[in-house]
Amino acid sequence: MNAFVSTVTQKGQVTIPKSVRDNLHLVTGDKIEFVLNDRGEVVIKPVTRKVAEVAGLLSKYKKSQPVSIEAMDQAVAQYIRNEAV
């Protein structure tokens, strides 16, 4: 078991050590859960969503027809041309 130390700021914030973030696969904006167990220890867990919670989340963006790779390439090329101006 490894131990990592962090300091609590005046606002009650702490920085999660990089090795812990990496191990939990945390990135900016992720949520974490603090679980206080019966021994008075705190366990930090990443908050994950169940598939049922996110099912259909992108359906409002669904197109009536699939977009071809060629159309995607053209759209990307057009975007790049517009950004270069």
PDB file of N, CA and C in Angstrom:
ATOM      1  N   MET A   1       0.846  -1.178   0.000  1.00  0.00           N
ATOM      2  CA  MET A   1       0.000   0.000   0.000  1.00  0.00           C
ATOM      3  C   MET A   1       0.891   1.241   0.000  1.00  0.00           C
ATOM      4  N   ASN A   2       0.565   2.201  -0.845  1.00  0.00           N
ATOM      5  CA  ASN A   2       1.301   3.455  -0.906  1.00  0.00           C
ATOM      6  C   ASN A   2       0.519   4.533  -0.185  1.00  0.00           C
ATOM      7  N   ALA A   3       1.230   5.470   0.421  1.00  0.00           N
ATOM      8  CA  ALA A   3       0.593   6.609   1.081  1.00  0.00           C
ATOM      9  C   ALA A   3       1.041   7.878   0.390  1.00  0.00           C
ATOM     10  N   PHE A   4       0.113   8.814   0.213  1.00  0.00           N
ATOM     11  CA  PHE A   4       0.400  10.084  -0.429  1.00  0.00           C
ATOM     12  C   PHE A   4      -0.113  11.189   0.479  1.00  0.00           C
ATOM     13  N   VAL A   5       0.608  12.293   0.545  1.00  0.00           N
ATOM     14  CA  VAL A   5       0.251  13.396   1.427  1.00  0.00           C
ATOM     15  C   VAL A   5      -0.130  14.611   0.596  1.00  0.00           C
ATOM     16  N   SER A   6      -1.178  15.294   1.022  1.00  0.00           N
ATOM     17  CA  SER A   6      -1.606  16.526   0.395  1.00  0.00           C
ATOM     18  C   SER A   6      -2.016  17.477   1.511  1.00  0.00           C
ATOM     19  N   THR A   7      -1.967  18.769   1.260  1.00  0.00           N
ATOM     20  CA  THR A   7      -2.287  19.770   2.270  1.00  0.00           C
ATOM     21  C   THR A   7      -3.673  20.349   2.009  1.00  0.00           C
ATOM     22  N   VAL A   8      -4.435  20.548   3.081  1.00  0.00           N
ATOM     23  CA  VAL A   8      -5.752  21.154   2.971  1.00  0.00           C
ATOM     24  C   VAL A   8      -5.565  22.676   2.950  1.00  0.00           C
ATOM     25  N   THR A   9      -6.182  23.334   1.952  1.00  0.00           N
ATOM     26  CA  THR A   9      -6.089  24.792   1.853  1.00  0.00           C
ATOM     27  C   THR A   9      -7.082  25.442   2.809  1.00  0.00           C
ATOM     28  N   GLN A  10      -7.018  26.758   2.905  1.00  0.00           N
ATOM     29  CA  GLN A  10      -7.920  27.512   3.766  1.00  0.00           C
ATOM     30  C   GLN A  10      -9.378  27.307   3.358  1.00  0.00           C
ATOM     31  N   LYS A  11      -9.604  27.039   2.068  1.00  0.00           N
ATOM     32  CA  LYS A  11     -10.967  26.810   1.572  1.00  0.00           C
ATOM     33  C   LYS A  11     -11.397  25.347   1.694  1.00  0.00           C
ATOM     34  N   GLY A  12     -10.561  24.495   2.278  1.00  0.00           N
ATOM     35  CA  GLY A  12     -10.901  23.091   2.437  1.00  0.00           C
ATOM     36  C   GLY A  12     -10.613  22.254   1.214  1.00  0.00           C
ATOM     37  N   GLN A  13      -9.811  22.772   0.297  1.00  0.00           N
ATOM     38  CA  GLN A  13      -9.496  22.044  -0.928  1.00  0.00           C
ATOM     39  C   GLN A  13      -8.169  21.314  -0.783  1.00  0.00           C
ATOM     40  N   VAL A  14      -8.047  20.213  -1.503  1.00  0.00           N
ATOM     41  CA  VAL A  14      -6.788  19.468  -1.554  1.00  0.00           C
ATOM     42  C   VAL A  14      -6.485  19.123  -3.003  1.00  0.00           C
ATOM     43  N   THR A  15      -5.229  18.932  -3.291  1.00  0.00           N
ATOM     44  CA  THR A  15      -4.827  18.476  -4.610  1.00  0.00           C
ATOM     45  C   THR A  15      -4.644  16.973  -4.538  1.00  0.00           C
ATOM     46  N   ILE A  16      -5.286  16.265  -5.443  1.00  0.00           N
ATOM     47  CA  ILE A  16      -5.113  14.807  -5.499  1.00  0.00           C
ATOM     48  C   ILE A  16      -3.783  14.554  -6.189  1.00  0.00           C
ATOM     49  N   PRO A  17      -2.879  13.831  -5.535  1.00  0.00           N
ATOM     50  CA  PRO A  17      -1.571  13.573  -6.145  1.00  0.00           C
ATOM     51  C   PRO A  17      -1.712  12.938  -7.533  1.00  0.00           C
ATOM     52  N   LYS A  18      -0.798  13.312  -8.432  1.00  0.00           N
ATOM     53  CA  LYS A  18      -0.852  12.853  -9.819  1.00  0.00           C
ATOM     54  C   LYS A  18      -0.908  11.341  -9.927  1.00  0.00           C
ATOM     55  N   SER A  19      -0.125  10.641  -9.130  1.00  0.00           N
ATOM     56  CA  SER A  19      -0.122   9.175  -9.220  1.00  0.00           C
ATOM     57  C   SER A  19      -1.490   8.592  -8.864  1.00  0.00           C
ATOM     58  N   VAL A  20      -2.202   9.237  -7.934  1.00  0.00           N
ATOM     59  CA  VAL A  20      -3.543   8.775  -7.569  1.00  0.00           C
ATOM     60  C   VAL A  20      -4.513   9.079  -8.714  1.00  0.00           C
ATOM     61  N   ARG A  21      -4.435  10.307  -9.271  1.00  0.00           N
ATOM     62  CA  ARG A  21      -5.300  10.662 -10.416  1.00  0.00           C
ATOM     63  C   ARG A  21      -5.072   9.699 -11.570  1.00  0.00           C
ATOM     64  N   ASP A  22      -3.810   9.408 -11.846  1.00  0.00           N
ATOM     65  CA  ASP A  22      -3.491   8.484 -12.942  1.00  0.00           C
ATOM     66  C   ASP A  22      -4.063   7.100 -12.673  1.00  0.00           C
ATOM     67  N   ASN A  23      -3.913   6.632 -11.452  1.00  0.00           N
ATOM     68  CA  ASN A  23      -4.393   5.296 -11.093  1.00  0.00           C
ATOM     69  C   ASN A  23      -5.908   5.194 -11.196  1.00  0.00           C
ATOM     70  N   LEU A  24      -6.607   6.289 -10.875  1.00  0.00           N
ATOM     71  CA  LEU A  24      -8.074   6.299 -10.944  1.00  0.00           C
ATOM     72  C   LEU A  24      -8.578   6.768 -12.308  1.00  0.00           C
ATOM     73  N   HIS A  25      -7.654   7.088 -13.215  1.00  0.00           N
ATOM     74  CA  HIS A  25      -7.983   7.570 -14.565  1.00  0.00           C
ATOM     75  C   HIS A  25      -8.849   8.833 -14.497  1.00  0.00           C
ATOM     76  N   LEU A  26      -8.510   9.746 -13.596  1.00  0.00           N
ATOM     77  CA  LEU A  26      -9.249  10.989 -13.433  1.00  0.00           C
ATOM     78  C   LEU A  26      -8.702  12.055 -14.367  1.00  0.00           C
ATOM     79  N   VAL A  27      -9.602  12.828 -14.942  1.00  0.00           N
ATOM     80  CA  VAL A  27      -9.221  13.961 -15.774  1.00  0.00           C
ATOM     81  C   VAL A  27     -10.016  15.178 -15.300  1.00  0.00           C
ATOM     82  N   THR A  28      -9.619  16.338 -15.763  1.00  0.00           N
ATOM     83  CA  THR A  28     -10.286  17.574 -15.385  1.00  0.00           C
ATOM     84  C   THR A  28     -11.793  17.469 -15.603  1.00  0.00           C
ATOM     85  N   GLY A  29     -12.549  17.841 -14.595  1.00  0.00           N
ATOM     86  CA  GLY A  29     -14.007  17.814 -14.697  1.00  0.00           C
ATOM     87  C   GLY A  29     -14.647  16.548 -14.156  1.00  0.00           C
ATOM     88  N   ASP A  30     -13.844  15.495 -13.928  1.00  0.00           N
ATOM     89  CA  ASP A  30     -14.409  14.266 -13.361  1.00  0.00           C
ATOM     90  C   ASP A  30     -14.894  14.523 -11.943  1.00  0.00           C
ATOM     91  N   LYS A  31     -15.855  13.745 -11.523  1.00  0.00           N
ATOM     92  CA  LYS A  31     -16.367  13.831 -10.160  1.00  0.00           C
ATOM     93  C   LYS A  31     -15.818  12.652  -9.368  1.00  0.00           C
ATOM     94  N   ILE A  32     -15.577  12.910  -8.069  1.00  0.00           N
ATOM     95  CA  ILE A  32     -15.126  11.836  -7.186  1.00  0.00           C
ATOM     96  C   ILE A  32     -16.053  11.773  -5.980  1.00  0.00           C
ATOM     97  N   GLU A  33     -16.082  10.628  -5.366  1.00  0.00           N
ATOM     98  CA  GLU A  33     -16.945  10.387  -4.214  1.00  0.00           C
ATOM     99  C   GLU A  33     -16.049  10.080  -3.020  1.00  0.00           C
ATOM    100  N   PHE A  34     -16.365  10.689  -1.865  1.00  0.00           N
ATOM    101  CA  PHE A  34     -15.651  10.408  -0.634  1.00  0.00           C
ATOM    102  C   PHE A  34     -16.545   9.511   0.211  1.00  0.00           C
ATOM    103  N   VAL A  35     -16.080   8.307   0.509  1.00  0.00           N
ATOM    104  CA  VAL A  35     -16.862   7.348   1.281  1.00  0.00           C
ATOM    105  C   VAL A  35     -16.183   7.166   2.633  1.00  0.00           C
ATOM    106  N   LEU A  36     -16.901   7.468   3.715  1.00  0.00           N
ATOM    107  CA  LEU A  36     -16.381   7.294   5.067  1.00  0.00           C
ATOM    108  C   LEU A  36     -16.792   5.906   5.551  1.00  0.00           C
ATOM    109  N   ASN A  37     -15.796   5.032   5.772  1.00  0.00           N
ATOM    110  CA  ASN A  37     -16.140   3.667   6.175  1.00  0.00           C
ATOM    111  C   ASN A  37     -16.268   3.552   7.694  1.00  0.00           C
ATOM    112  N   ASP A  38     -16.595   2.359   8.175  1.00  0.00           N
ATOM    113  CA  ASP A  38     -16.846   2.132   9.599  1.00  0.00           C
ATOM    114  C   ASP A  38     -15.607   2.337  10.468  1.00  0.00           C
ATOM    115  N   ARG A  39     -14.420   2.290   9.865  1.00  0.00           N
ATOM    116  CA  ARG A  39     -13.180   2.466  10.631  1.00  0.00           C
ATOM    117  C   ARG A  39     -12.713   3.927  10.648  1.00  0.00           C
ATOM    118  N   GLY A  40     -13.562   4.831  10.123  1.00  0.00           N
ATOM    119  CA  GLY A  40     -13.211   6.241  10.105  1.00  0.00           C
ATOM    120  C   GLY A  40     -12.245   6.606   8.993  1.00  0.00           C
ATOM    121  N   GLU A  41     -12.087   5.718   8.021  1.00  0.00           N
ATOM    122  CA  GLU A  41     -11.205   5.970   6.884  1.00  0.00           C
ATOM    123  C   GLU A  41     -12.034   6.502   5.728  1.00  0.00           C
ATOM    124  N   VAL A  42     -11.398   7.320   4.918  1.00  0.00           N
ATOM    125  CA  VAL A  42     -12.071   7.853   3.742  1.00  0.00           C
ATOM    126  C   VAL A  42     -11.541   7.143   2.509  1.00  0.00           C
ATOM    127  N   VAL A  43     -12.444   6.668   1.692  1.00  0.00           N
ATOM    128  CA  VAL A  43     -12.101   6.030   0.426  1.00  0.00           C
ATOM    129  C   VAL A  43     -12.535   6.983  -0.681  1.00  0.00           C
ATOM    130  N   ILE A  44     -11.632   7.263  -1.617  1.00  0.00           N
ATOM    131  CA  ILE A  44     -11.954   8.138  -2.747  1.00  0.00           C
ATOM    132  C   ILE A  44     -12.218   7.258  -3.959  1.00  0.00           C
ATOM    133  N   LYS A  45     -13.393   7.459  -4.575  1.00  0.00           N
ATOM    134  CA  LYS A  45     -13.769   6.663  -5.746  1.00  0.00           C
ATOM    135  C   LYS A  45     -14.228   7.587  -6.859  1.00  0.00           C
ATOM    136  N   PRO A  46     -13.860   7.278  -8.091  1.00  0.00           N
ATOM    137  CA  PRO A  46     -14.409   8.064  -9.195  1.00  0.00           C
ATOM    138  C   PRO A  46     -15.902   7.778  -9.332  1.00  0.00           C
ATOM    139  N   VAL A  47     -16.675   8.812  -9.636  1.00  0.00           N
ATOM    140  CA  VAL A  47     -18.113   8.641  -9.852  1.00  0.00           C
ATOM    141  C   VAL A  47     -18.296   8.230 -11.300  1.00  0.00           C
ATOM    142  N   THR A  48     -18.920   7.102 -11.495  1.00  0.00           N
ATOM    143  CA  THR A  48     -19.173   6.618 -12.854  1.00  0.00           C
ATOM    144  C   THR A  48     -20.669   6.560 -13.078  1.00  0.00           C
ATOM    145  N   ARG A  49     -21.044   6.569 -14.318  1.00  0.00           N
ATOM    146  CA  ARG A  49     -22.456   6.493 -14.671  1.00  0.00           C
ATOM    147  C   ARG A  49     -22.764   5.109 -15.209  1.00  0.00           C
ATOM    148  N   LYS A  50     -23.962   4.662 -14.914  1.00  0.00           N
ATOM    149  CA  LYS A  50     -24.417   3.391 -15.461  1.00  0.00           C
ATOM    150  C   LYS A  50     -24.833   3.607 -16.915  1.00  0.00           C
ATOM    151  N   VAL A  51     -24.698   2.576 -17.714  1.00  0.00           N
ATOM    152  CA  VAL A  51     -25.053   2.661 -19.127  1.00  0.00           C
ATOM    153  C   VAL A  51     -26.485   3.145 -19.295  1.00  0.00           C
ATOM    154  N   ALA A  52     -27.376   2.691 -18.442  1.00  0.00           N
ATOM    155  CA  ALA A  52     -28.789   3.078 -18.550  1.00  0.00           C
ATOM    156  C   ALA A  52     -28.971   4.589 -18.378  1.00  0.00           C
ATOM    157  N   GLU A  53     -28.079   5.234 -17.601  1.00  0.00           N
ATOM    158  CA  GLU A  53     -28.194   6.671 -17.375  1.00  0.00           C
ATOM    159  C   GLU A  53     -27.810   7.477 -18.607  1.00  0.00           C
ATOM    160  N   VAL A  54     -26.930   6.951 -19.433  1.00  0.00           N
ATOM    161  CA  VAL A  54     -26.459   7.707 -20.592  1.00  0.00           C
ATOM    162  C   VAL A  54     -27.028   7.203 -21.910  1.00  0.00           C
ATOM    163  N   ALA A  55     -27.804   6.134 -21.848  1.00  0.00           N
ATOM    164  CA  ALA A  55     -28.392   5.588 -23.072  1.00  0.00           C
ATOM    165  C   ALA A  55     -29.282   6.628 -23.726  1.00  0.00           C
ATOM    166  N   GLY A  56     -29.066   6.858 -24.994  1.00  0.00           N
ATOM    167  CA  GLY A  56     -29.876   7.794 -25.744  1.00  0.00           C
ATOM    168  C   GLY A  56     -29.489   9.253 -25.551  1.00  0.00           C
ATOM    169  N   LEU A  57     -28.431   9.513 -24.814  1.00  0.00           N
ATOM    170  CA  LEU A  57     -28.015  10.875 -24.516  1.00  0.00           C
ATOM    171  C   LEU A  57     -27.732  11.688 -25.774  1.00  0.00           C
ATOM    172  N   LEU A  58     -27.203  11.042 -26.788  1.00  0.00           N
ATOM    173  CA  LEU A  58     -26.851  11.741 -28.019  1.00  0.00           C
ATOM    174  C   LEU A  58     -27.918  11.628 -29.109  1.00  0.00           C
ATOM    175  N   SER A  59     -29.047  11.023 -28.792  1.00  0.00           N
ATOM    176  CA  SER A  59     -30.064  10.785 -29.822  1.00  0.00           C
ATOM    177  C   SER A  59     -30.605  12.064 -30.439  1.00  0.00           C
ATOM    178  N   LYS A  60     -30.561  13.176 -29.708  1.00  0.00           N
ATOM    179  CA  LYS A  60     -31.071  14.428 -30.289  1.00  0.00           C
ATOM    180  C   LYS A  60     -30.192  14.921 -31.431  1.00  0.00           C
ATOM    181  N   TYR A  61     -28.986  14.377 -31.546  1.00  0.00           N
ATOM    182  CA  TYR A  61     -28.079  14.756 -32.627  1.00  0.00           C
ATOM    183  C   TYR A  61     -28.123  13.789 -33.800  1.00  0.00           C
ATOM    184  N   LYS A  62     -28.980  12.798 -33.710  1.00  0.00           N
ATOM    185  CA  LYS A  62     -29.057  11.764 -34.741  1.00  0.00           C
ATOM    186  C   LYS A  62     -29.515  12.361 -36.071  1.00  0.00           C
ATOM    187  N   LYS A  63     -28.857  11.971 -37.136  1.00  0.00           N
ATOM    188  CA  LYS A  63     -29.216  12.416 -38.485  1.00  0.00           C
ATOM    189  C   LYS A  63     -30.174  11.400 -39.097  1.00  0.00           C
ATOM    190  N   SER A  64     -31.005  11.875 -40.025  1.00  0.00           N
ATOM    191  CA  SER A  64     -31.943  10.966 -40.658  1.00  0.00           C
ATOM    192  C   SER A  64     -31.210   9.967 -41.556  1.00  0.00           C
ATOM    193  N   GLN A  65     -30.080  10.396 -42.114  1.00  0.00           N
ATOM    194  CA  GLN A  65     -29.268   9.521 -42.963  1.00  0.00           C
ATOM    195  C   GLN A  65     -27.847   9.488 -42.406  1.00  0.00           C
ATOM    196  N   PRO A  66     -27.175   8.350 -42.503  1.00  0.00           N
ATOM    197  CA  PRO A  66     -25.788   8.295 -42.068  1.00  0.00           C
ATOM    198  C   PRO A  66     -24.942   9.251 -42.909  1.00  0.00           C
ATOM    199  N   VAL A  67     -23.877   9.778 -42.307  1.00  0.00           N
ATOM    200  CA  VAL A  67     -22.976  10.670 -43.013  1.00  0.00           C
ATOM    201  C   VAL A  67     -21.799   9.850 -43.516  1.00  0.00           C
ATOM    202  N   SER A  68     -21.462  10.032 -44.792  1.00  0.00           N
ATOM    203  CA  SER A  68     -20.350   9.267 -45.369  1.00  0.00           C
ATOM    204  C   SER A  68     -19.012   9.828 -44.890  1.00  0.00           C
ATOM    205  N   ILE A  69     -17.991   9.019 -45.000  1.00  0.00           N
ATOM    206  CA  ILE A  69     -16.639   9.455 -44.645  1.00  0.00           C
ATOM    207  C   ILE A  69     -16.215  10.614 -45.538  1.00  0.00           C
ATOM    208  N   GLU A  70     -16.583  10.547 -46.791  1.00  0.00           N
ATOM    209  CA  GLU A  70     -16.248  11.626 -47.725  1.00  0.00           C
ATOM    210  C   GLU A  70     -16.883  12.945 -47.279  1.00  0.00           C
ATOM    211  N   ALA A  71     -18.134  12.892 -46.853  1.00  0.00           N
ATOM    212  CA  ALA A  71     -18.817  14.096 -46.385  1.00  0.00           C
ATOM    213  C   ALA A  71     -18.152  14.637 -45.122  1.00  0.00           C
ATOM    214  N   MET A  72     -17.741  13.729 -44.247  1.00  0.00           N
ATOM    215  CA  MET A  72     -17.028  14.157 -43.039  1.00  0.00           C
ATOM    216  C   MET A  72     -15.704  14.822 -43.403  1.00  0.00           C
ATOM    217  N   ASP A  73     -14.964  14.215 -44.328  1.00  0.00           N
ATOM    218  CA  ASP A  73     -13.696  14.793 -44.772  1.00  0.00           C
ATOM    219  C   ASP A  73     -13.904  16.184 -45.360  1.00  0.00           C
ATOM    220  N   GLN A  74     -14.948  16.331 -46.158  1.00  0.00           N
ATOM    221  CA  GLN A  74     -15.236  17.634 -46.759  1.00  0.00           C
ATOM    222  C   GLN A  74     -15.583  18.672 -45.688  1.00  0.00           C
ATOM    223  N   ALA A  75     -16.350  18.273 -44.698  1.00  0.00           N
ATOM    224  CA  ALA A  75     -16.729  19.190 -43.625  1.00  0.00           C
ATOM    225  C   ALA A  75     -15.505  19.617 -42.823  1.00  0.00           C
ATOM    226  N   VAL A  76     -14.604  18.691 -42.537  1.00  0.00           N
ATOM    227  CA  VAL A  76     -13.378  19.011 -41.809  1.00  0.00           C
ATOM    228  C   VAL A  76     -12.512  19.954 -42.639  1.00  0.00           C
ATOM    229  N   ALA A  77     -12.360  19.660 -43.913  1.00  0.00           N
ATOM    230  CA  ALA A  77     -11.556  20.507 -44.797  1.00  0.00           C
ATOM    231  C   ALA A  77     -12.138  21.919 -44.861  1.00  0.00           C
ATOM    232  N   GLN A  78     -13.457  22.028 -44.951  1.00  0.00           N
ATOM    233  CA  GLN A  78     -14.113  23.339 -44.995  1.00  0.00           C
ATOM    234  C   GLN A  78     -13.872  24.096 -43.695  1.00  0.00           C
ATOM    235  N   TYR A  79     -13.969  23.400 -42.583  1.00  0.00           N
ATOM    236  CA  TYR A  79     -13.745  24.022 -41.272  1.00  0.00           C
ATOM    237  C   TYR A  79     -12.317  24.558 -41.181  1.00  0.00           C
ATOM    238  N   ILE A  80     -11.370  23.750 -41.628  1.00  0.00           N
ATOM    239  CA  ILE A  80      -9.957  24.166 -41.588  1.00  0.00           C
ATOM    240  C   ILE A  80      -9.741  25.391 -42.472  1.00  0.00           C
ATOM    241  N   ARG A  81     -10.351  25.375 -43.659  1.00  0.00           N
ATOM    242  CA  ARG A  81     -10.228  26.544 -44.551  1.00  0.00           C
ATOM    243  C   ARG A  81     -10.801  27.798 -43.881  1.00  0.00           C
ATOM    244  N   ASN A  82     -11.927  27.664 -43.229  1.00  0.00           N
ATOM    245  CA  ASN A  82     -12.563  28.810 -42.568  1.00  0.00           C
ATOM    246  C   ASN A  82     -11.748  29.312 -41.373  1.00  0.00           C
ATOM    247  N   GLU A  83     -11.110  28.405 -40.663  1.00  0.00           N
ATOM    248  CA  GLU A  83     -10.301  28.781 -39.503  1.00  0.00           C
ATOM    249  C   GLU A  83      -9.000  29.460 -39.917  1.00  0.00           C
ATOM    250  N   ALA A  84      -8.482  29.121 -41.096  1.00  0.00           N
ATOM    251  CA  ALA A  84      -7.213  29.666 -41.565  1.00  0.00           C
ATOM    252  C   ALA A  84      -7.345  31.127 -41.973  1.00  0.00           C
ATOM    253  N   VAL A  85      -8.556  31.590 -42.183  1.00  0.00           N
ATOM    254  CA  VAL A  85      -8.784  32.978 -42.653  1.00  0.00           C
ATOM    255  C   VAL A  85      -8.587  33.966 -41.548  1.00  0.00           C
TER     256      VAL A  85
END
